Amino acid sequence: MRFLPTDEQADFARTLRSLLGSAQVPAAVRAWADGERGPGLALRSRLAGTGLFALAAPESYEGAGLLPLELALGFVELGRAGVPGPVVESAAVSVLLSELGDEALAKRFLPGLVAGGAWATLTLPGGSPYALDADAAEHCFTVSAAAELRLAAPASGEALRSTDPARRLSRPAADGGELLAAGPAVARAAGAAGRWARLLTAAQCLGTGEALLERTVGYVKQRTQFGAPIGSFQAVKHRLADTLLALEFARPLVWAAALSLSPGDVAAAKLRCGEAAYRAALTALQLHGAVGYTEELDLSLWLRKARPLRDAWGTPSQCRAEVLRSVTPG
């Protein structure tokens, strides 16, 4: 069994990394946190041009097919670059509409999501009650515990800031908005969308951890103490090695989860990637010293993402419980 990305998949990831590397993403993140959406929306258009958003929609609705492995590879790069906006939620909405089987709803929303002309945000039963960036999304979908799919007002509710200033949270009205569908089909589609959202958040965590580790390695090679780079100190090497191992052991869990999309595999990937990213953030903060606390340093953009991403679409305790359910007989 080949458990590595194909040449085509690797080329796609490299294309995204190159695009994002030249897109001044840190400036777009800071603008997004200040409520200025222009740079973030321009970045969305450029990402749509690569076909990234088409990977979560069927070909019949202008997508490329539901391709979780390719999409996860792409979301690692989004996490590495720190791309702002409800990227996970938009992809999850595309999956929900694709799995729902309602042609009218799919035709109404999917083409805009695939083309990058619209953001969507989403809340699901058992997840966070807060919708991410609802004030910037064109569509705000909610699924209730009674399996009702509604389209709420995009900016309904008071926006709250999270630990990451670029993540704004809103609580949609529980029973407000347009009723789009209801019943068992909604429950099944919501379950699929939730698994994709958890998988893609795990991929974002992996990319975030990689970015933090890369910047920290670069810093310890430059910072000197007692006449030598601190990266030459054994204790620093051990800390960086532990961080690298955590990320590398998490990586294959993402690919396994993308291949199976089983609840247990997806939860395991989210658990390990979330914890690895958080460890990378702690390592980066410790080894950068006091400069690591400054908002002016781009490092802060990733430091402040690690904890919210670790808890988004499945806290560590929720993921552990899901893994246990998947391995417990009966």
C-alpha atoms as a PDB file:
ATOM      1  CA  MET A   1       0.000   0.000   0.000  1.00  0.00           C
ATOM      2  CA  ARG A   2       1.334   3.435  -0.967  1.00  0.00           C
ATOM      3  CA  PHE A   3       0.697   5.745   1.957  1.00  0.00           C
ATOM      4  CA  LEU A   4       2.134   8.905   0.425  1.00  0.00           C
ATOM      5  CA  PRO A   5       0.608  11.620  -1.773  1.00  0.00           C
ATOM      6  CA  THR A   6       0.892  10.970  -5.504  1.00  0.00           C
ATOM      7  CA  ASP A   7       3.055  13.216  -7.674  1.00  0.00           C
ATOM      8  CA  GLU A   8      -0.077  15.043  -8.834  1.00  0.00           C
ATOM      9  CA  GLN A   9      -1.258  15.616  -5.269  1.00  0.00           C
ATOM     10  CA  ALA A  10       2.183  16.816  -4.189  1.00  0.00           C
ATOM     11  CA  ASP A  11       2.300  19.211  -7.143  1.00  0.00           C
ATOM     12  CA  PHE A  12      -1.065  20.627  -6.106  1.00  0.00           C
ATOM     13  CA  ALA A  13       0.204  21.237  -2.566  1.00  0.00           C
ATOM     14  CA  ARG A  14       3.355  22.894  -3.898  1.00  0.00           C
ATOM     15  CA  THR A  15       1.274  25.138  -6.154  1.00  0.00           C
ATOM     16  CA  LEU A  16      -0.786  26.289  -3.190  1.00  0.00           C
ATOM     17  CA  ARG A  17       2.322  26.863  -1.080  1.00  0.00           C
ATOM     18  CA  SER A  18       3.888  28.970  -3.813  1.00  0.00           C
ATOM     19  CA  LEU A  19       0.722  31.006  -4.308  1.00  0.00           C
ATOM     20  CA  LEU A  20       0.293  31.648  -0.601  1.00  0.00           C
ATOM     21  CA  GLY A  21       3.963  32.445  -0.159  1.00  0.00           C
ATOM     22  CA  SER A  22       3.616  35.380  -2.531  1.00  0.00           C
ATOM     23  CA  ALA A  23       0.200  36.550  -1.362  1.00  0.00           C
ATOM     24  CA  GLN A  24       1.167  38.606   1.729  1.00  0.00           C
ATOM     25  CA  VAL A  25      -1.119  36.501   3.911  1.00  0.00           C
ATOM     26  CA  PRO A  26       0.013  38.031   7.254  1.00  0.00           C
ATOM     27  CA  ALA A  27      -1.180  41.448   6.063  1.00  0.00           C
ATOM     28  CA  ALA A  28      -4.512  39.904   5.001  1.00  0.00           C
ATOM     29  CA  VAL A  29      -4.877  38.244   8.425  1.00  0.00           C
ATOM     30  CA  ARG A  30      -4.262  41.520  10.264  1.00  0.00           C
ATOM     31  CA  ALA A  31      -6.741  43.319   7.996  1.00  0.00           C
ATOM     32  CA  TRP A  32      -9.325  40.578   8.573  1.00  0.00           C
ATOM     33  CA  ALA A  33      -8.913  40.924  12.335  1.00  0.00           C
ATOM     34  CA  ASP A  34      -9.545  44.671  11.987  1.00  0.00           C
ATOM     35  CA  GLY A  35     -12.724  44.085   9.988  1.00  0.00           C
ATOM     36  CA  GLU A  36     -11.223  44.919   6.600  1.00  0.00           C
ATOM     37  CA  ARG A  37     -12.298  42.051   4.324  1.00  0.00           C
ATOM     38  CA  GLY A  38     -10.812  43.162   0.988  1.00  0.00           C
ATOM     39  CA  PRO A  39      -7.409  41.408   1.167  1.00  0.00           C
ATOM     40  CA  GLY A  40      -9.000  38.231   2.528  1.00  0.00           C
ATOM     41  CA  LEU A  41     -11.610  38.157  -0.235  1.00  0.00           C
ATOM     42  CA  ALA A  42      -8.934  38.738  -2.867  1.00  0.00           C
ATOM     43  CA  LEU A  43      -7.013  35.799  -1.405  1.00  0.00           C
ATOM     44  CA  ARG A  44     -10.185  33.692  -1.586  1.00  0.00           C
ATOM     45  CA  SER A  45     -10.490  34.421  -5.301  1.00  0.00           C
ATOM     46  CA  ARG A  46      -6.902  33.378  -5.920  1.00  0.00           C
ATOM     47  CA  LEU A  47      -7.409  30.126  -4.014  1.00  0.00           C
ATOM     48  CA  ALA A  48     -10.586  29.419  -5.976  1.00  0.00           C
ATOM     49  CA  GLY A  49      -8.550  29.734  -9.161  1.00  0.00           C
ATOM     50  CA  THR A  50      -6.494  26.696  -8.103  1.00  0.00           C
ATOM     51  CA  GLY A  51      -9.639  24.572  -7.873  1.00  0.00           C
ATOM     52  CA  LEU A  52      -9.305  24.146  -4.110  1.00  0.00           C
ATOM     53  CA  PHE A  53     -12.956  24.780  -3.274  1.00  0.00           C
ATOM     54  CA  ALA A  54     -14.107  22.517  -6.118  1.00  0.00           C
ATOM     55  CA  LEU A  55     -12.717  19.528  -4.212  1.00  0.00           C
ATOM     56  CA  ALA A  56     -15.731  19.532  -1.880  1.00  0.00           C
ATOM     57  CA  ALA A  57     -18.482  19.455  -4.524  1.00  0.00           C
ATOM     58  CA  PRO A  58     -19.646  16.993  -7.216  1.00  0.00           C
ATOM     59  CA  GLU A  59     -18.826  17.532 -10.878  1.00  0.00           C
ATOM     60  CA  SER A  60     -22.528  18.008 -11.613  1.00  0.00           C
ATOM     61  CA  TYR A  61     -22.395  21.288  -9.664  1.00  0.00           C
ATOM     62  CA  GLU A  62     -19.150  22.613 -11.188  1.00  0.00           C
ATOM     63  CA  GLY A  63     -16.989  20.836  -8.630  1.00  0.00           C
ATOM     64  CA  ALA A  64     -14.177  18.335  -9.060  1.00  0.00           C
ATOM     65  CA  GLY A  65     -15.836  15.616  -6.992  1.00  0.00           C
ATOM     66  CA  LEU A  66     -15.718  14.950  -3.276  1.00  0.00           C
ATOM     67  CA  LEU A  67     -11.964  14.442  -2.781  1.00  0.00           C
ATOM     68  CA  PRO A  68     -11.123  14.550   0.939  1.00  0.00           C
ATOM     69  CA  LEU A  69      -7.445  13.587   0.602  1.00  0.00           C
ATOM     70  CA  GLU A  70      -6.664  16.298  -1.936  1.00  0.00           C
ATOM     71  CA  LEU A  71      -8.650  18.831   0.084  1.00  0.00           C
ATOM     72  CA  ALA A  72      -6.821  17.876   3.285  1.00  0.00           C
ATOM     73  CA  LEU A  73      -3.489  18.403   1.527  1.00  0.00           C
ATOM     74  CA  GLY A  74      -4.688  21.841   0.518  1.00  0.00           C
ATOM     75  CA  PHE A  75      -5.834  22.717   4.017  1.00  0.00           C
ATOM     76  CA  VAL A  76      -2.437  21.838   5.449  1.00  0.00           C
ATOM     77  CA  GLU A  77      -1.115  24.639   3.242  1.00  0.00           C
ATOM     78  CA  LEU A  78      -3.902  26.994   4.378  1.00  0.00           C
ATOM     79  CA  GLY A  79      -2.900  26.324   7.979  1.00  0.00           C
ATOM     80  CA  ARG A  80       0.779  26.767   7.182  1.00  0.00           C
ATOM     81  CA  ALA A  81       0.034  30.175   5.640  1.00  0.00           C
ATOM     82  CA  GLY A  82      -2.537  31.187   8.286  1.00  0.00           C
ATOM     83  CA  VAL A  83      -5.299  31.950   5.763  1.00  0.00           C
ATOM     84  CA  PRO A  84      -8.228  33.798   7.419  1.00  0.00           C
ATOM     85  CA  GLY A  85     -11.942  33.262   6.912  1.00  0.00           C
ATOM     86  CA  PRO A  86     -14.432  30.389   7.271  1.00  0.00           C
ATOM     87  CA  VAL A  87     -12.587  28.092   4.881  1.00  0.00           C
ATOM     88  CA  VAL A  88     -13.411  24.898   6.805  1.00  0.00           C
ATOM     89  CA  GLU A  89     -17.037  25.881   7.240  1.00  0.00           C
ATOM     90  CA  SER A  90     -17.472  26.730   3.553  1.00  0.00           C
ATOM     91  CA  ALA A  91     -16.110  23.328   2.550  1.00  0.00           C
ATOM     92  CA  ALA A  92     -18.327  21.609   5.132  1.00  0.00           C
ATOM     93  CA  VAL A  93     -21.392  23.399   3.754  1.00  0.00           C
ATOM     94  CA  SER A  94     -20.480  22.193   0.260  1.00  0.00           C
ATOM     95  CA  VAL A  95     -20.317  18.629   1.581  1.00  0.00           C
ATOM     96  CA  LEU A  96     -23.604  19.025   3.442  1.00  0.00           C
ATOM     97  CA  LEU A  97     -25.412  20.262   0.334  1.00  0.00           C
ATOM     98  CA  SER A  98     -23.793  17.580  -1.804  1.00  0.00           C
ATOM     99  CA  GLU A  99     -24.835  14.802   0.580  1.00  0.00           C
ATOM    100  CA  LEU A 100     -28.329  16.148   1.167  1.00  0.00           C
ATOM    101  CA  GLY A 101     -29.584  15.137  -2.248  1.00  0.00           C
ATOM    102  CA  ASP A 102     -31.714  18.244  -2.774  1.00  0.00           C
ATOM    103  CA  GLU A 103     -30.937  19.378  -6.311  1.00  0.00           C
ATOM    104  CA  ALA A 104     -32.619  22.762  -5.946  1.00  0.00           C
ATOM    105  CA  LEU A 105     -30.559  23.672  -2.870  1.00  0.00           C
ATOM    106  CA  ALA A 106     -27.356  22.398  -4.445  1.00  0.00           C
ATOM    107  CA  LYS A 107     -27.902  24.495  -7.570  1.00  0.00           C
ATOM    108  CA  ARG A 108     -28.743  27.512  -5.447  1.00  0.00           C
ATOM    109  CA  PHE A 109     -25.588  27.551  -3.337  1.00  0.00           C
ATOM    110  CA  LEU A 110     -22.852  25.228  -4.616  1.00  0.00           C
ATOM    111  CA  PRO A 111     -21.734  27.103  -7.763  1.00  0.00           C
ATOM    112  CA  GLY A 112     -20.951  30.241  -5.746  1.00  0.00           C
ATOM    113  CA  LEU A 113     -19.031  28.280  -3.113  1.00  0.00           C
ATOM    114  CA  VAL A 114     -17.061  26.348  -5.732  1.00  0.00           C
ATOM    115  CA  ALA A 115     -16.169  29.486  -7.682  1.00  0.00           C
ATOM    116  CA  GLY A 116     -15.003  31.321  -4.565  1.00  0.00           C
ATOM    117  CA  GLY A 117     -17.670  33.968  -4.913  1.00  0.00           C
ATOM    118  CA  ALA A 118     -19.138  33.354  -1.475  1.00  0.00           C
ATOM    119  CA  TRP A 119     -18.191  32.252   2.020  1.00  0.00           C
ATOM    120  CA  ALA A 120     -20.505  30.119   4.105  1.00  0.00           C
ATOM    121  CA  THR A 121     -20.421  29.374   7.803  1.00  0.00           C
ATOM    122  CA  LEU A 122     -22.096  26.549   9.696  1.00  0.00           C
ATOM    123  CA  THR A 123     -23.160  25.269  13.095  1.00  0.00           C
ATOM    124  CA  LEU A 124     -24.072  21.627  13.730  1.00  0.00           C
ATOM    125  CA  PRO A 125     -25.523  19.677  16.679  1.00  0.00           C
ATOM    126  CA  GLY A 126     -22.825  18.568  19.095  1.00  0.00           C
ATOM    127  CA  GLY A 127     -20.423  21.233  17.879  1.00  0.00           C
ATOM    128  CA  SER A 128     -19.772  24.774  18.982  1.00  0.00           C
ATOM    129  CA  PRO A 129     -22.892  26.968  19.181  1.00  0.00           C
ATOM    130  CA  TYR A 130     -20.892  29.765  17.561  1.00  0.00           C
ATOM    131  CA  ALA A 131     -20.615  30.366  13.834  1.00  0.00           C
ATOM    132  CA  LEU A 132     -17.206  31.465  12.595  1.00  0.00           C
ATOM    133  CA  ASP A 133     -17.043  34.800  10.746  1.00  0.00           C
ATOM    134  CA  ALA A 134     -20.784  35.004  10.243  1.00  0.00           C
ATOM    135  CA  ASP A 135     -20.412  38.752   9.781  1.00  0.00           C
ATOM    136  CA  ALA A 136     -18.218  38.148   6.739  1.00  0.00           C
ATOM    137  CA  ALA A 137     -20.063  35.157   5.253  1.00  0.00           C
ATOM    138  CA  GLU A 138     -22.673  35.461   2.555  1.00  0.00           C
ATOM    139  CA  HIS A 139     -24.522  32.413   3.926  1.00  0.00           C
ATOM    140  CA  CYS A 140     -24.960  31.219   7.508  1.00  0.00           C
ATOM    141  CA  PHE A 141     -26.324  27.673   7.788  1.00  0.00           C
ATOM    142  CA  THR A 142     -27.504  26.030  10.982  1.00  0.00           C
ATOM    143  CA  VAL A 143     -28.609  22.468  11.673  1.00  0.00           C
ATOM    144  CA  SER A 144     -30.667  22.002  14.818  1.00  0.00           C
ATOM    145  CA  ALA A 145     -30.895  18.983  17.084  1.00  0.00           C
ATOM    146  CA  ALA A 146     -34.273  18.331  15.438  1.00  0.00           C
ATOM    147  CA  ALA A 147     -32.493  17.932  12.070  1.00  0.00           C
ATOM    148  CA  GLU A 148     -33.726  21.205  10.621  1.00  0.00           C
ATOM    149  CA  LEU A 149     -31.456  22.973   8.152  1.00  0.00           C
ATOM    150  CA  ARG A 150     -31.940  26.728   8.178  1.00  0.00           C
ATOM    151  CA  LEU A 151     -30.383  29.698   6.458  1.00  0.00           C
ATOM    152  CA  ALA A 152     -29.900  32.378   9.091  1.00  0.00           C
ATOM    153  CA  ALA A 153     -29.104  36.030   8.562  1.00  0.00           C
ATOM    154  CA  PRO A 154     -25.352  36.197   7.734  1.00  0.00           C
ATOM    155  CA  ALA A 155     -24.493  38.655  10.523  1.00  0.00           C
ATOM    156  CA  SER A 156     -27.095  37.635  13.105  1.00  0.00           C
ATOM    157  CA  GLY A 157     -26.045  37.840  16.727  1.00  0.00           C
ATOM    158  CA  GLU A 158     -23.287  39.799  18.399  1.00  0.00           C
ATOM    159  CA  ALA A 159     -19.806  38.989  17.121  1.00  0.00           C
ATOM    160  CA  LEU A 160     -17.313  37.894  19.772  1.00  0.00           C
ATOM    161  CA  ARG A 161     -13.543  37.707  19.470  1.00  0.00           C
ATOM    162  CA  SER A 162     -11.742  34.485  20.197  1.00  0.00           C
ATOM    163  CA  THR A 163      -8.134  34.044  21.307  1.00  0.00           C
ATOM    164  CA  ASP A 164      -7.279  34.533  17.653  1.00  0.00           C
ATOM    165  CA  PRO A 165      -8.383  38.064  16.644  1.00  0.00           C
ATOM    166  CA  ALA A 166      -8.926  36.856  13.082  1.00  0.00           C
ATOM    167  CA  ARG A 167     -11.646  34.440  14.266  1.00  0.00           C
ATOM    168  CA  ARG A 168     -14.918  36.214  15.028  1.00  0.00           C
ATOM    169  CA  LEU A 169     -17.700  34.140  16.573  1.00  0.00           C
ATOM    170  CA  SER A 170     -21.470  34.682  16.479  1.00  0.00           C
ATOM    171  CA  ARG A 171     -24.381  32.733  17.904  1.00  0.00           C
ATOM    172  CA  PRO A 172     -27.054  32.348  15.195  1.00  0.00           C
ATOM    173  CA  ALA A 173     -30.706  32.426  16.219  1.00  0.00           C
ATOM    174  CA  ALA A 174     -31.750  28.874  17.066  1.00  0.00           C
ATOM    175  CA  ASP A 175     -35.097  28.981  15.270  1.00  0.00           C
ATOM    176  CA  GLY A 176     -34.698  31.938  12.937  1.00  0.00           C
ATOM    177  CA  GLY A 177     -34.115  32.164   9.238  1.00  0.00           C
ATOM    178  CA  GLU A 178     -35.381  30.284   6.202  1.00  0.00           C
ATOM    179  CA  LEU A 179     -36.159  26.587   6.689  1.00  0.00           C
ATOM    180  CA  LEU A 180     -34.390  24.767   3.847  1.00  0.00           C
ATOM    181  CA  ALA A 181     -34.901  21.093   4.729  1.00  0.00           C
ATOM    182  CA  ALA A 182     -35.645  18.768   7.611  1.00  0.00           C
ATOM    183  CA  GLY A 183     -35.616  15.097   8.470  1.00  0.00           C
ATOM    184  CA  PRO A 184     -33.270  12.089   8.409  1.00  0.00           C
ATOM    185  CA  ALA A 185     -31.537  13.230   5.205  1.00  0.00           C
ATOM    186  CA  VAL A 186     -30.452  16.428   6.973  1.00  0.00           C
ATOM    187  CA  ALA A 187     -29.119  14.440   9.933  1.00  0.00           C
ATOM    188  CA  ARG A 188     -27.079  12.158   7.645  1.00  0.00           C
ATOM    189  CA  ALA A 189     -25.706  15.070   5.620  1.00  0.00           C
ATOM    190  CA  ALA A 190     -24.851  16.979   8.808  1.00  0.00           C
ATOM    191  CA  GLY A 191     -22.914  13.971  10.094  1.00  0.00           C
ATOM    192  CA  ALA A 192     -20.858  13.837   6.905  1.00  0.00           C
ATOM    193  CA  ALA A 193     -20.255  17.601   6.968  1.00  0.00           C
ATOM    194  CA  GLY A 194     -19.127  17.406  10.593  1.00  0.00           C
ATOM    195  CA  ARG A 195     -16.565  14.702   9.791  1.00  0.00           C
ATOM    196  CA  TRP A 196     -15.162  16.737   6.895  1.00  0.00           C
ATOM    197  CA  ALA A 197     -15.003  19.855   9.070  1.00  0.00           C
ATOM    198  CA  ARG A 198     -13.074  17.950  11.745  1.00  0.00           C
ATOM    199  CA  LEU A 199     -10.714  16.443   9.164  1.00  0.00           C
ATOM    200  CA  LEU A 200      -9.963  19.791   7.515  1.00  0.00           C
ATOM    201  CA  THR A 201      -9.424  21.461  10.888  1.00  0.00           C
ATOM    202  CA  ALA A 202      -6.946  18.702  11.721  1.00  0.00           C
ATOM    203  CA  ALA A 203      -5.138  19.476   8.468  1.00  0.00           C
ATOM    204  CA  GLN A 204      -5.099  23.179   9.361  1.00  0.00           C
ATOM    205  CA  CYS A 205      -3.633  22.314  12.762  1.00  0.00           C
ATOM    206  CA  LEU A 206      -0.879  20.297  11.096  1.00  0.00           C
ATOM    207  CA  GLY A 207       0.016  23.192   8.815  1.00  0.00           C
ATOM    208  CA  THR A 208      -0.063  25.656  11.704  1.00  0.00           C
ATOM    209  CA  GLY A 209       2.297  23.471  13.714  1.00  0.00           C
ATOM    210  CA  GLU A 210       4.667  23.168  10.755  1.00  0.00           C
ATOM    211  CA  ALA A 211       4.737  26.955  10.330  1.00  0.00           C
ATOM    212  CA  LEU A 212       5.475  27.494  14.018  1.00  0.00           C
ATOM    213  CA  LEU A 213       8.261  24.925  14.016  1.00  0.00           C
ATOM    214  CA  GLU A 214       9.821  26.307  10.831  1.00  0.00           C
ATOM    215  CA  ARG A 215       9.907  29.847  12.203  1.00  0.00           C
ATOM    216  CA  THR A 216      11.288  28.687  15.522  1.00  0.00           C
ATOM    217  CA  VAL A 217      14.084  26.693  13.907  1.00  0.00           C
ATOM    218  CA  GLY A 218      15.028  29.757  11.867  1.00  0.00           C
ATOM    219  CA  TYR A 219      15.049  31.935  14.984  1.00  0.00           C
ATOM    220  CA  VAL A 220      17.217  29.671  17.156  1.00  0.00           C
ATOM    221  CA  LYS A 221      19.828  29.555  14.404  1.00  0.00           C
ATOM    222  CA  GLN A 222      20.122  33.351  14.560  1.00  0.00           C
ATOM    223  CA  ARG A 223      19.737  34.131  18.262  1.00  0.00           C
ATOM    224  CA  THR A 224      23.010  33.812  20.158  1.00  0.00           C
ATOM    225  CA  GLN A 225      23.798  33.321  23.824  1.00  0.00           C
ATOM    226  CA  PHE A 226      27.215  32.856  25.407  1.00  0.00           C
ATOM    227  CA  GLY A 227      28.679  33.425  21.947  1.00  0.00           C
ATOM    228  CA  ALA A 228      26.830  30.563  20.250  1.00  0.00           C
ATOM    229  CA  PRO A 229      23.461  30.122  18.494  1.00  0.00           C
ATOM    230  CA  ILE A 230      20.920  28.820  21.002  1.00  0.00           C
ATOM    231  CA  GLY A 231      19.978  26.185  18.447  1.00  0.00           C
ATOM    232  CA  SER A 232      23.270  24.454  19.212  1.00  0.00           C
ATOM    233  CA  PHE A 233      22.232  23.844  22.839  1.00  0.00           C
ATOM    234  CA  GLN A 234      21.192  20.284  23.594  1.00  0.00           C
ATOM    235  CA  ALA A 235      18.064  21.237  25.527  1.00  0.00           C
ATOM    236  CA  VAL A 236      16.824  23.358  22.612  1.00  0.00           C
ATOM    237  CA  LYS A 237      17.525  20.546  20.145  1.00  0.00           C
ATOM    238  CA  HIS A 238      15.554  18.105  22.276  1.00  0.00           C
ATOM    239  CA  ARG A 239      12.576  20.457  22.505  1.00  0.00           C
ATOM    240  CA  LEU A 240      12.524  20.995  18.741  1.00  0.00           C
ATOM    241  CA  ALA A 241      12.952  17.275  18.054  1.00  0.00           C
ATOM    242  CA  ASP A 242       9.985  16.434  20.296  1.00  0.00           C
ATOM    243  CA  THR A 243       7.876  19.012  18.471  1.00  0.00           C
ATOM    244  CA  LEU A 244       8.882  17.629  15.082  1.00  0.00           C
ATOM    245  CA  LEU A 245       8.097  14.059  16.125  1.00  0.00           C
ATOM    246  CA  ALA A 246       4.649  15.063  17.341  1.00  0.00           C
ATOM    247  CA  LEU A 247       3.874  16.635  13.969  1.00  0.00           C
ATOM    248  CA  GLU A 248       5.314  13.759  11.954  1.00  0.00           C
ATOM    249  CA  PHE A 249       3.361  11.153  13.936  1.00  0.00           C
ATOM    250  CA  ALA A 250       0.179  13.174  13.426  1.00  0.00           C
ATOM    251  CA  ARG A 251       0.612  13.478   9.645  1.00  0.00           C
ATOM    252  CA  PRO A 252      -0.241   9.877   8.636  1.00  0.00           C
ATOM    253  CA  LEU A 253      -3.360  10.023  10.811  1.00  0.00           C
ATOM    254  CA  VAL A 254      -4.636  12.844   8.586  1.00  0.00           C
ATOM    255  CA  TRP A 255      -4.114  10.767   5.440  1.00  0.00           C
ATOM    256  CA  ALA A 256      -5.737   7.710   7.045  1.00  0.00           C
ATOM    257  CA  ALA A 257      -8.731   9.793   8.132  1.00  0.00           C
ATOM    258  CA  ALA A 258      -9.073  11.292   4.645  1.00  0.00           C
ATOM    259  CA  LEU A 259      -9.061   7.831   3.099  1.00  0.00           C
ATOM    260  CA  SER A 260     -11.635   6.326   5.454  1.00  0.00           C
ATOM    261  CA  LEU A 261     -13.647   9.312   6.762  1.00  0.00           C
ATOM    262  CA  SER A 262     -14.677   7.075   9.661  1.00  0.00           C
ATOM    263  CA  PRO A 263     -15.598   8.950  12.849  1.00  0.00           C
ATOM    264  CA  GLY A 264     -12.867   7.247  14.870  1.00  0.00           C
ATOM    265  CA  ASP A 265     -10.104   7.903  12.357  1.00  0.00           C
ATOM    266  CA  VAL A 266     -11.118  11.526  11.903  1.00  0.00           C
ATOM    267  CA  ALA A 267     -11.268  12.076  15.663  1.00  0.00           C
ATOM    268  CA  ALA A 268      -7.825  10.493  16.118  1.00  0.00           C
ATOM    269  CA  ALA A 269      -6.365  12.773  13.454  1.00  0.00           C
ATOM    270  CA  LYS A 270      -7.931  15.864  14.991  1.00  0.00           C
ATOM    271  CA  LEU A 271      -6.734  14.907  18.470  1.00  0.00           C
ATOM    272  CA  ARG A 272      -3.121  14.312  17.480  1.00  0.00           C
ATOM    273  CA  CYS A 273      -2.855  17.275  15.085  1.00  0.00           C
ATOM    274  CA  GLY A 274      -4.461  19.651  17.559  1.00  0.00           C
ATOM    275  CA  GLU A 275      -2.154  18.608  20.365  1.00  0.00           C
ATOM    276  CA  ALA A 276       0.899  18.716  18.084  1.00  0.00           C
ATOM    277  CA  ALA A 277       0.074  22.248  16.927  1.00  0.00           C
ATOM    278  CA  TYR A 278      -0.443  23.394  20.506  1.00  0.00           C
ATOM    279  CA  ARG A 279       2.896  21.853  21.513  1.00  0.00           C
ATOM    280  CA  ALA A 280       4.547  23.664  18.599  1.00  0.00           C
ATOM    281  CA  ALA A 281       3.031  26.929  19.838  1.00  0.00           C
ATOM    282  CA  LEU A 282       4.371  26.391  23.358  1.00  0.00           C
ATOM    283  CA  THR A 283       7.805  25.533  21.978  1.00  0.00           C
ATOM    284  CA  ALA A 284       7.823  28.598  19.738  1.00  0.00           C
ATOM    285  CA  LEU A 285       6.808  30.884  22.582  1.00  0.00           C
ATOM    286  CA  GLN A 286       9.406  29.505  24.971  1.00  0.00           C
ATOM    287  CA  LEU A 287      12.311  29.579  22.523  1.00  0.00           C
ATOM    288  CA  HIS A 288      11.507  33.028  21.166  1.00  0.00           C
ATOM    289  CA  GLY A 289      11.475  34.431  24.686  1.00  0.00           C
ATOM    290  CA  ALA A 290       9.893  37.811  25.334  1.00  0.00           C
ATOM    291  CA  VAL A 291       9.822  38.734  21.643  1.00  0.00           C
ATOM    292  CA  GLY A 292       7.339  35.901  21.130  1.00  0.00           C
ATOM    293  CA  TYR A 293       4.684  37.866  23.014  1.00  0.00           C
ATOM    294  CA  THR A 294       4.757  40.837  20.644  1.00  0.00           C
ATOM    295  CA  GLU A 295       1.887  41.265  18.207  1.00  0.00           C
ATOM    296  CA  GLU A 296       4.195  43.009  15.735  1.00  0.00           C
ATOM    297  CA  LEU A 297       6.008  39.721  15.132  1.00  0.00           C
ATOM    298  CA  ASP A 298       4.272  37.609  12.477  1.00  0.00           C
ATOM    299  CA  LEU A 299       4.801  34.588  14.704  1.00  0.00           C
ATOM    300  CA  SER A 300       1.920  35.829  16.868  1.00  0.00           C
ATOM    301  CA  LEU A 301      -0.535  35.154  14.035  1.00  0.00           C
ATOM    302  CA  TRP A 302       0.149  31.422  14.290  1.00  0.00           C
ATOM    303  CA  LEU A 303       0.654  31.352  18.060  1.00  0.00           C
ATOM    304  CA  ARG A 304      -2.872  32.649  18.574  1.00  0.00           C
ATOM    305  CA  LYS A 305      -4.396  30.190  16.118  1.00  0.00           C
ATOM    306  CA  ALA A 306      -3.073  27.014  17.699  1.00  0.00           C
ATOM    307  CA  ARG A 307      -5.388  26.872  20.734  1.00  0.00           C
ATOM    308  CA  PRO A 308      -8.654  27.823  18.941  1.00  0.00           C
ATOM    309  CA  LEU A 309      -7.941  25.358  16.123  1.00  0.00           C
ATOM    310  CA  ARG A 310      -7.151  22.623  18.643  1.00  0.00           C
ATOM    311  CA  ASP A 311     -10.634  23.039  20.108  1.00  0.00           C
ATOM    312  CA  ALA A 312     -12.599  23.835  16.929  1.00  0.00           C
ATOM    313  CA  TRP A 313     -14.808  21.047  15.523  1.00  0.00           C
ATOM    314  CA  GLY A 314     -13.934  18.721  18.378  1.00  0.00           C
ATOM    315  CA  THR A 315     -12.100  19.439  21.613  1.00  0.00           C
ATOM    316  CA  PRO A 316      -9.459  16.930  22.746  1.00  0.00           C
ATOM    317  CA  SER A 317     -11.918  15.380  25.204  1.00  0.00           C
ATOM    318  CA  GLN A 318     -14.618  15.045  22.525  1.00  0.00           C
ATOM    319  CA  CYS A 319     -12.165  13.461  20.120  1.00  0.00           C
ATOM    320  CA  ARG A 320     -10.907  11.015  22.758  1.00  0.00           C
ATOM    321  CA  ALA A 321     -14.478   9.983  23.482  1.00  0.00           C
ATOM    322  CA  GLU A 322     -15.122   9.398  19.773  1.00  0.00           C
ATOM    323  CA  VAL A 323     -11.976   7.295  19.432  1.00  0.00           C
ATOM    324  CA  LEU A 324     -13.045   5.193  22.421  1.00  0.00           C
ATOM    325  CA  ARG A 325     -16.514   4.668  20.932  1.00  0.00           C
ATOM    326  CA  SER A 326     -14.940   3.482  17.695  1.00  0.00           C
ATOM    327  CA  VAL A 327     -12.825   0.798  19.401  1.00  0.00           C
ATOM    328  CA  THR A 328     -15.271  -0.312  22.092  1.00  0.00           C
ATOM    329  CA  PRO A 329     -17.271  -3.428  21.121  1.00  0.00           C
ATOM    330  CA  GLY A 330     -21.022  -2.988  20.996  1.00  0.00           C
END
